[in-house]
PDB file of all heavy atoms in Angstrom:
ATOM      1  N   VAL A   1      20.744  13.965  75.230  1.00  0.00           N
ATOM      2  CA  VAL A   1      20.701  14.007  73.712  1.00  0.00           C
ATOM      3  C   VAL A   1      19.556  14.948  73.204  1.00  0.00           C
ATOM      4  O   VAL A   1      18.441  14.848  73.796  1.00  0.00           O
ATOM      5  CB  VAL A   1      20.581  12.657  73.064  1.00  0.00           C
ATOM      6  CG1 VAL A   1      20.348  12.747  71.568  1.00  0.00           C
ATOM      7  CG2 VAL A   1      21.786  11.773  73.347  1.00  0.00           C
ATOM      8  N   VAL A   2      19.844  15.735  72.201  1.00  0.00           N
ATOM      9  CA  VAL A   2      18.887  16.393  71.444  1.00  0.00           C
ATOM     10  C   VAL A   2      19.095  16.166  69.911  1.00  0.00           C
ATOM     11  O   VAL A   2      20.156  15.802  69.569  1.00  0.00           O
ATOM     12  CB  VAL A   2      18.929  17.975  71.671  1.00  0.00           C
ATOM     13  CG1 VAL A   2      18.579  18.324  73.167  1.00  0.00           C
ATOM     14  CG2 VAL A   2      20.278  18.602  71.388  1.00  0.00           C
ATOM     15  N   GLU A   3      18.082  16.438  69.168  1.00  0.00           N
ATOM     16  CA  GLU A   3      18.108  15.936  67.754  1.00  0.00           C
ATOM     17  C   GLU A   3      19.235  16.685  67.007  1.00  0.00           C
ATOM     18  O   GLU A   3      19.914  15.998  66.293  1.00  0.00           O
ATOM     19  CB  GLU A   3      16.704  16.260  67.091  1.00  0.00           C
ATOM     20  CG  GLU A   3      16.648  15.692  65.718  1.00  0.00           C
ATOM     21  CD  GLU A   3      16.568  14.144  65.818  1.00  0.00           C
ATOM     22  OE1 GLU A   3      16.010  13.619  66.691  1.00  0.00           O
ATOM     23  OE2 GLU A   3      17.004  13.555  64.823  1.00  0.00           O
ATOM     24  N   LEU A   4      19.428  17.923  67.246  1.00  0.00           N
ATOM     25  CA  LEU A   4      20.564  18.569  66.475  1.00  0.00           C
ATOM     26  C   LEU A   4      21.896  18.118  66.818  1.00  0.00           C
ATOM     27  O   LEU A   4      22.770  18.012  66.003  1.00  0.00           O
ATOM     28  CB  LEU A   4      20.513  20.171  66.767  1.00  0.00           C
ATOM     29  CG  LEU A   4      19.293  20.898  66.203  1.00  0.00           C
ATOM     30  CD1 LEU A   4      19.311  22.358  66.625  1.00  0.00           C
ATOM     31  CD2 LEU A   4      19.353  20.766  64.646  1.00  0.00           C
ATOM     32  N   ALA A   5      22.123  17.610  68.080  1.00  0.00           N
ATOM     33  CA  ALA A   5      23.356  17.119  68.472  1.00  0.00           C
ATOM     34  C   ALA A   5      23.667  15.806  67.711  1.00  0.00           C
ATOM     35  O   ALA A   5      24.819  15.498  67.426  1.00  0.00           O
ATOM     36  CB  ALA A   5      23.462  16.899  70.022  1.00  0.00           C
ATOM     37  N   ILE A   6      22.608  15.007  67.483  1.00  0.00           N
ATOM     38  CA  ILE A   6      22.850  13.697  66.880  1.00  0.00           C
ATOM     39  C   ILE A   6      23.472  14.036  65.343  1.00  0.00           C
ATOM     40  O   ILE A   6      24.546  13.382  65.127  1.00  0.00           O
ATOM     41  CB  ILE A   6      21.516  13.031  66.654  1.00  0.00           C
ATOM     42  CG1 ILE A   6      20.931  12.556  67.945  1.00  0.00           C
ATOM     43  CG2 ILE A   6      21.626  11.771  65.622  1.00  0.00           C
ATOM     44  CD1 ILE A   6      19.576  12.006  67.899  1.00  0.00           C
ATOM     45  N   SER A   7      22.889  14.840  64.661  1.00  0.00           N
ATOM     46  CA  SER A   7      23.435  15.148  63.334  1.00  0.00           C
ATOM     47  C   SER A   7      24.792  15.756  63.399  1.00  0.00           C
ATOM     48  O   SER A   7      25.738  15.340  62.677  1.00  0.00           O
ATOM     49  CB  SER A   7      22.440  16.151  62.583  1.00  0.00           C
ATOM     50  OG  SER A   7      21.257  15.617  62.357  1.00  0.00           O
ATOM     51  N   ARG A   8      25.088  16.661  64.382  1.00  0.00           N
ATOM     52  CA  ARG A   8      26.365  17.300  64.496  1.00  0.00           C
ATOM     53  C   ARG A   8      27.526  16.193  64.747  1.00  0.00           C
ATOM     54  O   ARG A   8      28.523  16.193  64.182  1.00  0.00           O
ATOM     55  CB  ARG A   8      26.303  18.293  65.587  1.00  0.00           C
ATOM     56  CG  ARG A   8      27.661  19.133  65.715  1.00  0.00           C
ATOM     57  CD  ARG A   8      27.682  19.934  66.972  1.00  0.00           C
ATOM     58  NE  ARG A   8      27.795  18.990  68.195  1.00  0.00           N
ATOM     59  CZ  ARG A   8      26.913  19.109  69.235  1.00  0.00           C
ATOM     60  NH1 ARG A   8      25.979  20.043  69.265  1.00  0.00           N
ATOM     61  NH2 ARG A   8      27.018  18.231  70.173  1.00  0.00           N
ATOM     62  N   ASP A   9      27.217  15.373  65.798  1.00  0.00           N
ATOM     63  CA  ASP A   9      28.213  14.328  66.208  1.00  0.00           C
ATOM     64  C   ASP A   9      28.442  13.444  65.033  1.00  0.00           C
ATOM     65  O   ASP A   9      29.643  12.957  64.868  1.00  0.00           O
ATOM     66  CB  ASP A   9      27.827  13.678  67.479  1.00  0.00           C
ATOM     67  CG  ASP A   9      28.109  14.554  68.707  1.00  0.00           C
ATOM     68  OD1 ASP A   9      28.532  15.685  68.630  1.00  0.00           O
ATOM     69  OD2 ASP A   9      28.004  13.993  69.814  1.00  0.00           O
ATOM     70  N   ILE A  10      27.444  12.880  64.477  1.00  0.00           N
ATOM     71  CA  ILE A  10      27.624  11.882  63.407  1.00  0.00           C
ATOM     72  C   ILE A  10      28.247  12.508  62.171  1.00  0.00           C
ATOM     73  O   ILE A  10      29.229  11.857  61.656  1.00  0.00           O
ATOM     74  CB  ILE A  10      26.312  11.213  63.119  1.00  0.00           C
ATOM     75  CG1 ILE A  10      25.792  10.355  64.200  1.00  0.00           C
ATOM     76  CG2 ILE A  10      26.409  10.330  61.802  1.00  0.00           C
ATOM     77  CD1 ILE A  10      24.510   9.620  64.043  1.00  0.00           C
ATOM     78  N   ASP A  11      27.915  13.736  61.827  1.00  0.00           N
ATOM     79  CA  ASP A  11      28.643  14.441  60.772  1.00  0.00           C
ATOM     80  C   ASP A  11      30.152  14.614  61.105  1.00  0.00           C
ATOM     81  O   ASP A  11      30.990  14.409  60.158  1.00  0.00           O
ATOM     82  CB  ASP A  11      27.919  15.819  60.452  1.00  0.00           C
ATOM     83  CG  ASP A  11      26.658  15.588  59.776  1.00  0.00           C
ATOM     84  OD1 ASP A  11      26.285  14.466  59.145  1.00  0.00           O
ATOM     85  OD2 ASP A  11      25.854  16.580  59.674  1.00  0.00           O
ATOM     86  N   ALA A  12      30.495  14.908  62.292  1.00  0.00           N
ATOM     87  CA  ALA A  12      31.846  15.131  62.675  1.00  0.00           C
ATOM     88  C   ALA A  12      32.583  13.833  62.545  1.00  0.00           C
ATOM     89  O   ALA A  12      33.676  13.839  62.115  1.00  0.00           O
ATOM     90  CB  ALA A  12      31.954  15.663  64.083  1.00  0.00           C
ATOM     91  N   LEU A  13      31.964  12.735  62.867  1.00  0.00           N
ATOM     92  CA  LEU A  13      32.626  11.384  62.819  1.00  0.00           C
ATOM     93  C   LEU A  13      32.901  11.072  61.404  1.00  0.00           C
ATOM     94  O   LEU A  13      33.867  10.498  60.958  1.00  0.00           O
ATOM     95  CB  LEU A  13      31.809  10.327  63.450  1.00  0.00           C
ATOM     96  CG  LEU A  13      31.737  10.296  64.934  1.00  0.00           C
ATOM     97  CD1 LEU A  13      30.669   9.298  65.555  1.00  0.00           C
ATOM     98  CD2 LEU A  13      33.095   9.918  65.550  1.00  0.00           C
ATOM     99  N   LEU A  14      31.965  11.449  60.491  1.00  0.00           N
ATOM    100  CA  LEU A  14      32.073  11.084  59.132  1.00  0.00           C
ATOM    101  C   LEU A  14      33.079  11.944  58.438  1.00  0.00           C
ATOM    102  O   LEU A  14      33.732  11.489  57.490  1.00  0.00           O
ATOM    103  CB  LEU A  14      30.652  11.240  58.352  1.00  0.00           C
ATOM    104  CG  LEU A  14      29.621  10.189  58.642  1.00  0.00           C
ATOM    105  CD1 LEU A  14      28.332  10.655  58.088  1.00  0.00           C
ATOM    106  CD2 LEU A  14      30.056   8.845  58.131  1.00  0.00           C
ATOM    107  N   SER A  15      33.255  13.195  58.825  1.00  0.00           N
ATOM    108  CA  SER A  15      34.110  14.129  58.172  1.00  0.00           C
ATOM    109  C   SER A  15      35.622  14.012  58.654  1.00  0.00           C
ATOM    110  O   SER A  15      36.589  14.566  58.017  1.00  0.00           O
ATOM    111  CB  SER A  15      33.659  15.569  58.263  1.00  0.00           C
ATOM    112  OG  SER A  15      33.614  16.000  59.624  1.00  0.00           O
ATOM    113  N   ASP A  16      35.720  13.455  59.825  1.00  0.00           N
ATOM    114  CA  ASP A  16      37.190  13.452  60.452  1.00  0.00           C
ATOM    115  C   ASP A  16      37.607  12.035  60.699  1.00  0.00           C
ATOM    116  O   ASP A  16      37.304  11.427  61.700  1.00  0.00           O
ATOM    117  CB  ASP A  16      37.182  14.191  61.730  1.00  0.00           C
ATOM    118  CG  ASP A  16      38.512  14.310  62.435  1.00  0.00           C
ATOM    119  OD1 ASP A  16      39.505  13.858  61.709  1.00  0.00           O
ATOM    120  OD2 ASP A  16      38.642  14.843  63.469  1.00  0.00           O
ATOM    121  N   PRO A  17      38.433  11.382  59.764  1.00  0.00           N
ATOM    122  CA  PRO A  17      38.792  10.005  59.945  1.00  0.00           C
ATOM    123  C   PRO A  17      39.405   9.754  61.302  1.00  0.00           C
ATOM    124  O   PRO A  17      39.312   8.681  61.858  1.00  0.00           O
ATOM    125  CB  PRO A  17      39.756   9.813  58.780  1.00  0.00           C
ATOM    126  CG  PRO A  17      39.428  10.789  57.813  1.00  0.00           C
ATOM    127  CD  PRO A  17      38.883  11.961  58.601  1.00  0.00           C
ATOM    128  N   ALA A  18      40.208  10.772  61.765  1.00  0.00           N
ATOM    129  CA  ALA A  18      40.834  10.520  63.129  1.00  0.00           C
ATOM    130  C   ALA A  18      39.899  10.349  64.256  1.00  0.00           C
ATOM    131  O   ALA A  18      40.180   9.742  65.261  1.00  0.00           O
ATOM    132  CB  ALA A  18      41.882  11.725  63.406  1.00  0.00           C
ATOM    133  N   ALA A  19      38.612  10.934  64.065  1.00  0.00           N
ATOM    134  CA  ALA A  19      37.713  10.807  65.067  1.00  0.00           C
ATOM    135  C   ALA A  19      36.872   9.535  65.123  1.00  0.00           C
ATOM    136  O   ALA A  19      36.061   9.250  65.889  1.00  0.00           O
ATOM    137  CB  ALA A  19      36.702  12.005  64.956  1.00  0.00           C
ATOM    138  N   MET A  20      37.334   8.640  64.061  1.00  0.00           N
ATOM    139  CA  MET A  20      36.593   7.296  64.022  1.00  0.00           C
ATOM    140  C   MET A  20      37.134   6.254  64.953  1.00  0.00           C
ATOM    141  O   MET A  20      36.949   5.126  64.764  1.00  0.00           O
ATOM    142  CB  MET A  20      36.699   6.853  62.513  1.00  0.00           C
ATOM    143  CG  MET A  20      36.027   7.765  61.545  1.00  0.00           C
ATOM    144  SD  MET A  20      34.429   7.341  60.969  1.00  0.00           S
ATOM    145  CE  MET A  20      34.561   5.657  60.400  1.00  0.00           C
ATOM    146  N   TYR A  21      37.781   6.775  66.009  1.00  0.00           N
ATOM    147  CA  TYR A  21      38.311   5.872  67.077  1.00  0.00           C
ATOM    148  C   TYR A  21      37.200   5.022  67.566  1.00  0.00           C
ATOM    149  O   TYR A  21      36.068   5.402  67.913  1.00  0.00           O
ATOM    150  CB  TYR A  21      38.909   6.637  68.170  1.00  0.00           C
ATOM    151  CG  TYR A  21      39.528   5.731  69.233  1.00  0.00           C
ATOM    152  CD1 TYR A  21      40.677   5.049  68.973  1.00  0.00           C
ATOM    153  CD2 TYR A  21      38.969   5.677  70.493  1.00  0.00           C
ATOM    154  CE1 TYR A  21      41.217   4.160  69.945  1.00  0.00           C
ATOM    155  CE2 TYR A  21      39.487   4.818  71.460  1.00  0.00           C
ATOM    156  CZ  TYR A  21      40.611   4.152  71.160  1.00  0.00           C
ATOM    157  OH  TYR A  21      41.192   3.293  72.077  1.00  0.00           O
ATOM    158  N   ARG A  22      37.360   3.678  67.501  1.00  0.00           N
ATOM    159  CA  ARG A  22      36.300   2.710  67.722  1.00  0.00           C
ATOM    160  C   ARG A  22      35.610   2.953  69.113  1.00  0.00           C
ATOM    161  O   ARG A  22      34.301   2.706  69.098  1.00  0.00           O
ATOM    162  CB  ARG A  22      36.743   1.294  67.533  1.00  0.00           C
ATOM    163  CG  ARG A  22      37.873   0.875  68.618  1.00  0.00           C
ATOM    164  CD  ARG A  22      38.443  -0.454  68.224  1.00  0.00           C
ATOM    165  NE  ARG A  22      39.237  -0.864  69.388  1.00  0.00           N
ATOM    166  CZ  ARG A  22      40.269  -1.458  69.211  1.00  0.00           C
ATOM    167  NH1 ARG A  22      40.788  -1.786  68.094  1.00  0.00           N
ATOM    168  NH2 ARG A  22      40.987  -1.922  70.292  1.00  0.00           N
ATOM    169  N   ALA A  23      36.232   3.221  70.146  1.00  0.00           N
ATOM    170  CA  ALA A  23      35.521   3.408  71.382  1.00  0.00           C
ATOM    171  C   ALA A  23      34.580   4.643  71.324  1.00  0.00           C
ATOM    172  O   ALA A  23      33.556   4.598  71.906  1.00  0.00           O
ATOM    173  CB  ALA A  23      36.509   3.566  72.546  1.00  0.00           C
ATOM    174  N   LYS A  24      35.030   5.698  70.676  1.00  0.00           N
ATOM    175  CA  LYS A  24      34.175   6.901  70.458  1.00  0.00           C
ATOM    176  C   LYS A  24      32.919   6.505  69.647  1.00  0.00           C
ATOM    177  O   LYS A  24      31.912   6.981  70.031  1.00  0.00           O
ATOM    178  CB  LYS A  24      34.945   8.005  69.852  1.00  0.00           C
ATOM    179  CG  LYS A  24      34.079   9.330  69.812  1.00  0.00           C
ATOM    180  CD  LYS A  24      34.959  10.383  69.280  1.00  0.00           C
ATOM    181  CE  LYS A  24      34.023  11.556  68.879  1.00  0.00           C
ATOM    182  NZ  LYS A  24      33.947  12.659  69.743  1.00  0.00           N
ATOM    183  N   LEU A  25      33.158   5.695  68.675  1.00  0.00           N
ATOM    184  CA  LEU A  25      32.093   5.235  67.836  1.00  0.00           C
ATOM    185  C   LEU A  25      31.040   4.491  68.724  1.00  0.00           C
ATOM    186  O   LEU A  25      29.854   4.736  68.684  1.00  0.00           O
ATOM    187  CB  LEU A  25      32.444   4.436  66.701  1.00  0.00           C
ATOM    188  CG  LEU A  25      33.027   5.040  65.520  1.00  0.00           C
ATOM    189  CD1 LEU A  25      33.634   3.974  64.536  1.00  0.00           C
ATOM    190  CD2 LEU A  25      31.974   5.892  64.860  1.00  0.00           C
ATOM    191  N   LEU A  26      31.569   3.531  69.544  1.00  0.00           N
ATOM    192  CA  LEU A  26      30.673   2.741  70.391  1.00  0.00           C
ATOM    193  C   LEU A  26      29.958   3.556  71.353  1.00  0.00           C
ATOM    194  O   LEU A  26      28.653   3.449  71.446  1.00  0.00           O
ATOM    195  CB  LEU A  26      31.550   1.721  71.190  1.00  0.00           C
ATOM    196  CG  LEU A  26      30.937   0.854  72.135  1.00  0.00           C
ATOM    197  CD1 LEU A  26      29.903   0.021  71.496  1.00  0.00           C
ATOM    198  CD2 LEU A  26      32.005  -0.005  72.856  1.00  0.00           C
ATOM    199  N   ALA A  27      30.644   4.530  71.956  1.00  0.00           N
ATOM    200  CA  ALA A  27      29.896   5.475  72.877  1.00  0.00           C
ATOM    201  C   ALA A  27      28.858   6.360  72.222  1.00  0.00           C
ATOM    202  O   ALA A  27      27.759   6.523  72.735  1.00  0.00           O
ATOM    203  CB  ALA A  27      30.907   6.315  73.661  1.00  0.00           C
ATOM    204  N   THR A  28      29.195   6.754  71.062  1.00  0.00           N
ATOM    205  CA  THR A  28      28.285   7.647  70.262  1.00  0.00           C
ATOM    206  C   THR A  28      27.073   6.847  69.796  1.00  0.00           C
ATOM    207  O   THR A  28      25.910   7.368  69.944  1.00  0.00           O
ATOM    208  CB  THR A  28      29.008   8.191  69.047  1.00  0.00           C
ATOM    209  OG1 THR A  28      30.124   9.015  69.528  1.00  0.00           O
ATOM    210  CG2 THR A  28      28.123   9.161  68.205  1.00  0.00           C
ATOM    211  N   PHE A  29      27.212   5.647  69.339  1.00  0.00           N
ATOM    212  CA  PHE A  29      26.097   4.783  68.929  1.00  0.00           C
ATOM    213  C   PHE A  29      25.146   4.559  70.097  1.00  0.00           C
ATOM    214  O   PHE A  29      23.944   4.610  69.919  1.00  0.00           O
ATOM    215  CB  PHE A  29      26.578   3.430  68.328  1.00  0.00           C
ATOM    216  CG  PHE A  29      27.268   3.494  67.031  1.00  0.00           C
ATOM    217  CD1 PHE A  29      28.419   2.803  66.748  1.00  0.00           C
ATOM    218  CD2 PHE A  29      26.869   4.501  66.045  1.00  0.00           C
ATOM    219  CE1 PHE A  29      29.044   2.832  65.528  1.00  0.00           C
ATOM    220  CE2 PHE A  29      27.543   4.659  64.857  1.00  0.00           C
ATOM    221  CZ  PHE A  29      28.591   3.782  64.578  1.00  0.00           C
TER     222      PHE A  29
END
């Protein structure tokens, strides 16, 4: 992990409802 990637991945999850798949959220958190 790097700081910029955190913002990029979380922003992508917030902007794309299809990407909110729960296992991906879990792994991302």
